[in-house]
Amino acid sequence: DRNNMSLIIIGTVSAALLAIILSS
């Protein structure tokens, strides 16, 4: 919404890391 790439990266990377940790 705010065209803020940093927020998108933080949300995406956090979700990916959470998926990796729980999967492990």
PDB file of all heavy atoms in Angstrom:
ATOM      1  N   ASP A   1       0.817  -1.208   0.000  1.00  0.00           N
ATOM      2  CA  ASP A   1       0.000   0.000   0.000  1.00  0.00           C
ATOM      3  C   ASP A   1       0.856   1.265   0.000  1.00  0.00           C
ATOM      4  O   ASP A   1       0.516   2.253  -0.659  1.00  0.00           O
ATOM      5  CB  ASP A   1      -0.921  -0.011   1.227  1.00  0.00           C
ATOM      6  CG  ASP A   1      -1.875   1.160   1.237  1.00  0.00           C
ATOM      7  OD1 ASP A   1      -2.830   1.146   0.447  1.00  0.00           O
ATOM      8  OD2 ASP A   1      -1.655   2.095   2.024  1.00  0.00           O
ATOM      9  N   ARG A   2       1.979   1.231   0.724  1.00  0.00           N
ATOM     10  CA  ARG A   2       2.825   2.416   0.830  1.00  0.00           C
ATOM     11  C   ARG A   2       4.040   2.360  -0.089  1.00  0.00           C
ATOM     12  O   ARG A   2       4.926   3.197  -0.010  1.00  0.00           O
ATOM     13  CB  ARG A   2       3.280   2.600   2.281  1.00  0.00           C
ATOM     14  CG  ARG A   2       2.132   2.867   3.226  1.00  0.00           C
ATOM     15  CD  ARG A   2       2.609   3.234   4.613  1.00  0.00           C
ATOM     16  NE  ARG A   2       1.480   3.428   5.516  1.00  0.00           N
ATOM     17  CZ  ARG A   2       1.586   3.643   6.813  1.00  0.00           C
ATOM     18  NH1 ARG A   2       2.783   3.699   7.369  1.00  0.00           N
ATOM     19  NH2 ARG A   2       0.516   3.801   7.566  1.00  0.00           N
ATOM     20  N   ASN A   3       4.077   1.327  -0.938  1.00  0.00           N
ATOM     21  CA  ASN A   3       5.200   1.148  -1.854  1.00  0.00           C
ATOM     22  C   ASN A   3       6.524   1.126  -1.086  1.00  0.00           C
ATOM     23  O   ASN A   3       7.522   1.726  -1.506  1.00  0.00           O
ATOM     24  CB  ASN A   3       5.211   2.265  -2.905  1.00  0.00           C
ATOM     25  CG  ASN A   3       6.075   1.917  -4.100  1.00  0.00           C
ATOM     26  OD1 ASN A   3       6.322   0.743  -4.378  1.00  0.00           O
ATOM     27  ND2 ASN A   3       6.548   2.922  -4.811  1.00  0.00           N
ATOM     28  N   ASN A   4       6.509   0.424   0.047  1.00  0.00           N
ATOM     29  CA  ASN A   4       7.671   0.338   0.924  1.00  0.00           C
ATOM     30  C   ASN A   4       8.243  -1.080   0.841  1.00  0.00           C
ATOM     31  O   ASN A   4       7.722  -2.021   1.434  1.00  0.00           O
ATOM     32  CB  ASN A   4       7.261   0.667   2.371  1.00  0.00           C
ATOM     33  CG  ASN A   4       8.451   0.777   3.304  1.00  0.00           C
ATOM     34  OD1 ASN A   4       9.425   0.050   3.181  1.00  0.00           O
ATOM     35  ND2 ASN A   4       8.370   1.695   4.253  1.00  0.00           N
ATOM     36  N   MET A   5       9.331  -1.222   0.064  1.00  0.00           N
ATOM     37  CA  MET A   5       9.917  -2.539  -0.166  1.00  0.00           C
ATOM     38  C   MET A   5      10.450  -3.163   1.123  1.00  0.00           C
ATOM     39  O   MET A   5      10.438  -4.389   1.285  1.00  0.00           O
ATOM     40  CB  MET A   5      11.037  -2.427  -1.198  1.00  0.00           C
ATOM     41  CG  MET A   5      11.522  -3.775  -1.726  1.00  0.00           C
ATOM     42  SD  MET A   5      10.193  -4.752  -2.493  1.00  0.00           S
ATOM     43  CE  MET A   5       9.794  -3.697  -3.885  1.00  0.00           C
ATOM     44  N   SER A   6      10.912  -2.334   2.055  1.00  0.00           N
ATOM     45  CA  SER A   6      11.458  -2.858   3.306  1.00  0.00           C
ATOM     46  C   SER A   6      10.400  -3.612   4.102  1.00  0.00           C
ATOM     47  O   SER A   6      10.667  -4.697   4.643  1.00  0.00           O
ATOM     48  CB  SER A   6      12.024  -1.715   4.155  1.00  0.00           C
ATOM     49  OG  SER A   6      13.100  -1.084   3.499  1.00  0.00           O
ATOM     50  N   LEU A   7       9.183  -3.068   4.180  1.00  0.00           N
ATOM     51  CA  LEU A   7       8.103  -3.743   4.897  1.00  0.00           C
ATOM     52  C   LEU A   7       7.743  -5.059   4.227  1.00  0.00           C
ATOM     53  O   LEU A   7       7.484  -6.067   4.897  1.00  0.00           O
ATOM     54  CB  LEU A   7       6.873  -2.831   4.961  1.00  0.00           C
ATOM     55  CG  LEU A   7       6.967  -1.615   5.888  1.00  0.00           C
ATOM     56  CD1 LEU A   7       5.742  -0.734   5.723  1.00  0.00           C
ATOM     57  CD2 LEU A   7       7.112  -2.046   7.338  1.00  0.00           C
ATOM     58  N   ILE A   8       7.722  -5.063   2.893  1.00  0.00           N
ATOM     59  CA  ILE A   8       7.405  -6.292   2.161  1.00  0.00           C
ATOM     60  C   ILE A   8       8.453  -7.359   2.436  1.00  0.00           C
ATOM     61  O   ILE A   8       8.130  -8.525   2.696  1.00  0.00           O
ATOM     62  CB  ILE A   8       7.304  -6.011   0.646  1.00  0.00           C
ATOM     63  CG1 ILE A   8       6.162  -5.024   0.356  1.00  0.00           C
ATOM     64  CG2 ILE A   8       7.096  -7.305  -0.130  1.00  0.00           C
ATOM     65  CD1 ILE A   8       6.092  -4.579  -1.086  1.00  0.00           C
ATOM     66  N   ILE A   9       9.722  -6.961   2.391  1.00  0.00           N
ATOM     67  CA  ILE A   9      10.813  -7.921   2.629  1.00  0.00           C
ATOM     68  C   ILE A   9      10.749  -8.470   4.055  1.00  0.00           C
ATOM     69  O   ILE A   9      10.901  -9.679   4.281  1.00  0.00           O
ATOM     70  CB  ILE A   9      12.173  -7.248   2.368  1.00  0.00           C
ATOM     71  CG1 ILE A   9      12.331  -6.947   0.876  1.00  0.00           C
ATOM     72  CG2 ILE A   9      13.321  -8.127   2.859  1.00  0.00           C
ATOM     73  CD1 ILE A   9      13.561  -6.114   0.543  1.00  0.00           C
ATOM     74  N   ILE A  10      10.515  -7.593   5.037  1.00  0.00           N
ATOM     75  CA  ILE A  10      10.450  -8.036   6.437  1.00  0.00           C
ATOM     76  C   ILE A  10       9.331  -9.054   6.631  1.00  0.00           C
ATOM     77  O   ILE A  10       9.519 -10.101   7.253  1.00  0.00           O
ATOM     78  CB  ILE A  10      10.262  -6.825   7.372  1.00  0.00           C
ATOM     79  CG1 ILE A  10      11.539  -5.987   7.418  1.00  0.00           C
ATOM     80  CG2 ILE A  10       9.888  -7.279   8.788  1.00  0.00           C
ATOM     81  CD1 ILE A  10      11.379  -4.655   8.135  1.00  0.00           C
ATOM     82  N   GLY A  11       8.137  -8.748   6.094  1.00  0.00           N
ATOM     83  CA  GLY A  11       7.018  -9.670   6.233  1.00  0.00           C
ATOM     84  C   GLY A  11       7.249 -10.983   5.518  1.00  0.00           C
ATOM     85  O   GLY A  11       6.977 -12.065   6.053  1.00  0.00           O
ATOM     86  N   THR A  12       7.803 -10.919   4.300  1.00  0.00           N
ATOM     87  CA  THR A  12       8.026 -12.128   3.492  1.00  0.00           C
ATOM     88  C   THR A  12       9.106 -13.006   4.105  1.00  0.00           C
ATOM     89  O   THR A  12       8.923 -14.230   4.239  1.00  0.00           O
ATOM     90  CB  THR A  12       8.426 -11.733   2.061  1.00  0.00           C
ATOM     91  OG1 THR A  12       7.422 -10.885   1.496  1.00  0.00           O
ATOM     92  CG2 THR A  12       8.581 -12.967   1.191  1.00  0.00           C
ATOM     93  N   VAL A  13      10.235 -12.403   4.465  1.00  0.00           N
ATOM     94  CA  VAL A  13      11.344 -13.180   5.034  1.00  0.00           C
ATOM     95  C   VAL A  13      10.937 -13.794   6.373  1.00  0.00           C
ATOM     96  O   VAL A  13      11.272 -14.948   6.669  1.00  0.00           O
ATOM     97  CB  VAL A  13      12.592 -12.283   5.190  1.00  0.00           C
ATOM     98  CG1 VAL A  13      13.677 -13.001   5.995  1.00  0.00           C
ATOM     99  CG2 VAL A  13      13.127 -11.876   3.825  1.00  0.00           C
ATOM    100  N   SER A  14      10.212 -13.042   7.184  1.00  0.00           N
ATOM    101  CA  SER A  14       9.768 -13.570   8.484  1.00  0.00           C
ATOM    102  C   SER A  14       8.867 -14.777   8.305  1.00  0.00           C
ATOM    103  O   SER A  14       8.991 -15.779   9.020  1.00  0.00           O
ATOM    104  CB  SER A  14       9.036 -12.474   9.268  1.00  0.00           C
ATOM    105  OG  SER A  14       9.875 -11.386   9.534  1.00  0.00           O
ATOM    106  N   ALA A  15       7.939 -14.707   7.340  1.00  0.00           N
ATOM    107  CA  ALA A  15       7.042 -15.842   7.075  1.00  0.00           C
ATOM    108  C   ALA A  15       7.832 -17.045   6.573  1.00  0.00           C
ATOM    109  O   ALA A  15       7.571 -18.191   6.979  1.00  0.00           O
ATOM    110  CB  ALA A  15       5.971 -15.438   6.064  1.00  0.00           C
ATOM    111  N   ALA A  16       8.802 -16.794   5.698  1.00  0.00           N
ATOM    112  CA  ALA A  16       9.617 -17.893   5.169  1.00  0.00           C
ATOM    113  C   ALA A  16      10.441 -18.558   6.275  1.00  0.00           C
ATOM    114  O   ALA A  16      10.517 -19.799   6.347  1.00  0.00           O
ATOM    115  CB  ALA A  16      10.532 -17.370   4.069  1.00  0.00           C
ATOM    116  N   LEU A  17      11.048 -17.730   7.144  1.00  0.00           N
ATOM    117  CA  LEU A  17      11.840 -18.281   8.249  1.00  0.00           C
ATOM    118  C   LEU A  17      10.967 -19.070   9.216  1.00  0.00           C
ATOM    119  O   LEU A  17      11.375 -20.135   9.716  1.00  0.00           O
ATOM    120  CB  LEU A  17      12.559 -17.156   8.990  1.00  0.00           C
ATOM    121  CG  LEU A  17      13.728 -16.496   8.251  1.00  0.00           C
ATOM    122  CD1 LEU A  17      14.272 -15.316   9.052  1.00  0.00           C
ATOM    123  CD2 LEU A  17      14.841 -17.510   7.992  1.00  0.00           C
ATOM    124  N   LEU A  18       9.771 -18.564   9.478  1.00  0.00           N
ATOM    125  CA  LEU A  18       8.853 -19.268  10.365  1.00  0.00           C
ATOM    126  C   LEU A  18       8.496 -20.630   9.786  1.00  0.00           C
ATOM    127  O   LEU A  18       8.453 -21.639  10.518  1.00  0.00           O
ATOM    128  CB  LEU A  18       7.594 -18.430  10.579  1.00  0.00           C
ATOM    129  CG  LEU A  18       6.552 -18.992  11.559  1.00  0.00           C
ATOM    130  CD1 LEU A  18       7.151 -19.136  12.952  1.00  0.00           C
ATOM    131  CD2 LEU A  18       5.321 -18.083  11.603  1.00  0.00           C
ATOM    132  N   ALA A  19       8.258 -20.689   8.476  1.00  0.00           N
ATOM    133  CA  ALA A  19       7.929 -21.954   7.818  1.00  0.00           C
ATOM    134  C   ALA A  19       9.098 -22.929   7.902  1.00  0.00           C
ATOM    135  O   ALA A  19       8.915 -24.127   8.177  1.00  0.00           O
ATOM    136  CB  ALA A  19       7.548 -21.700   6.358  1.00  0.00           C
ATOM    137  N   ILE A  20      10.317 -22.432   7.699  1.00  0.00           N
ATOM    138  CA  ILE A  20      11.508 -23.300   7.753  1.00  0.00           C
ATOM    139  C   ILE A  20      11.716 -23.848   9.162  1.00  0.00           C
ATOM    140  O   ILE A  20      11.999 -25.039   9.349  1.00  0.00           O
ATOM    141  CB  ILE A  20      12.753 -22.514   7.290  1.00  0.00           C
ATOM    142  CG1 ILE A  20      12.646 -22.189   5.789  1.00  0.00           C
ATOM    143  CG2 ILE A  20      14.027 -23.299   7.582  1.00  0.00           C
ATOM    144  CD1 ILE A  20      13.706 -21.222   5.298  1.00  0.00           C
ATOM    145  N   ILE A  21      11.570 -22.984  10.160  1.00  0.00           N
ATOM    146  CA  ILE A  21      11.794 -23.409  11.552  1.00  0.00           C
ATOM    147  C   ILE A  21      10.765 -24.467  11.971  1.00  0.00           C
ATOM    148  O   ILE A  21      11.121 -25.505  12.544  1.00  0.00           O
ATOM    149  CB  ILE A  21      11.735 -22.192  12.496  1.00  0.00           C
ATOM    150  CG1 ILE A  21      12.937 -21.277  12.246  1.00  0.00           C
ATOM    151  CG2 ILE A  21      11.693 -22.640  13.954  1.00  0.00           C
ATOM    152  CD1 ILE A  21      12.852 -19.939  12.951  1.00  0.00           C
ATOM    153  N   LEU A  22       9.486 -24.213  11.673  1.00  0.00           N
ATOM    154  CA  LEU A  22       8.460 -25.178  12.063  1.00  0.00           C
ATOM    155  C   LEU A  22       8.604 -26.482  11.291  1.00  0.00           C
ATOM    156  O   LEU A  22       8.394 -27.575  11.844  1.00  0.00           O
ATOM    157  CB  LEU A  22       7.074 -24.588  11.830  1.00  0.00           C
ATOM    158  CG  LEU A  22       6.589 -23.563  12.852  1.00  0.00           C
ATOM    159  CD1 LEU A  22       5.171 -23.128  12.552  1.00  0.00           C
ATOM    160  CD2 LEU A  22       6.669 -24.106  14.275  1.00  0.00           C
ATOM    161  N   SER A  23       8.956 -26.384  10.007  1.00  0.00           N
ATOM    162  CA  SER A  23       9.156 -27.595   9.212  1.00  0.00           C
ATOM    163  C   SER A  23      10.308 -28.428   9.767  1.00  0.00           C
ATOM    164  O   SER A  23      10.228 -29.662   9.857  1.00  0.00           O
ATOM    165  CB  SER A  23       9.427 -27.219   7.756  1.00  0.00           C
ATOM    166  OG  SER A  23       9.650 -28.360   6.969  1.00  0.00           O
ATOM    167  N   SER A  24      11.395 -27.747  10.177  1.00  0.00           N
ATOM    168  CA  SER A  24      12.541 -28.465  10.761  1.00  0.00           C
ATOM    169  C   SER A  24      12.166 -29.097  12.099  1.00  0.00           C
ATOM    170  O   SER A  24      12.606 -30.211  12.425  1.00  0.00           O
ATOM    171  CB  SER A  24      13.710 -27.493  10.952  1.00  0.00           C
ATOM    172  OG  SER A  24      14.091 -26.911   9.725  1.00  0.00           O
TER     173      SER A  24
END
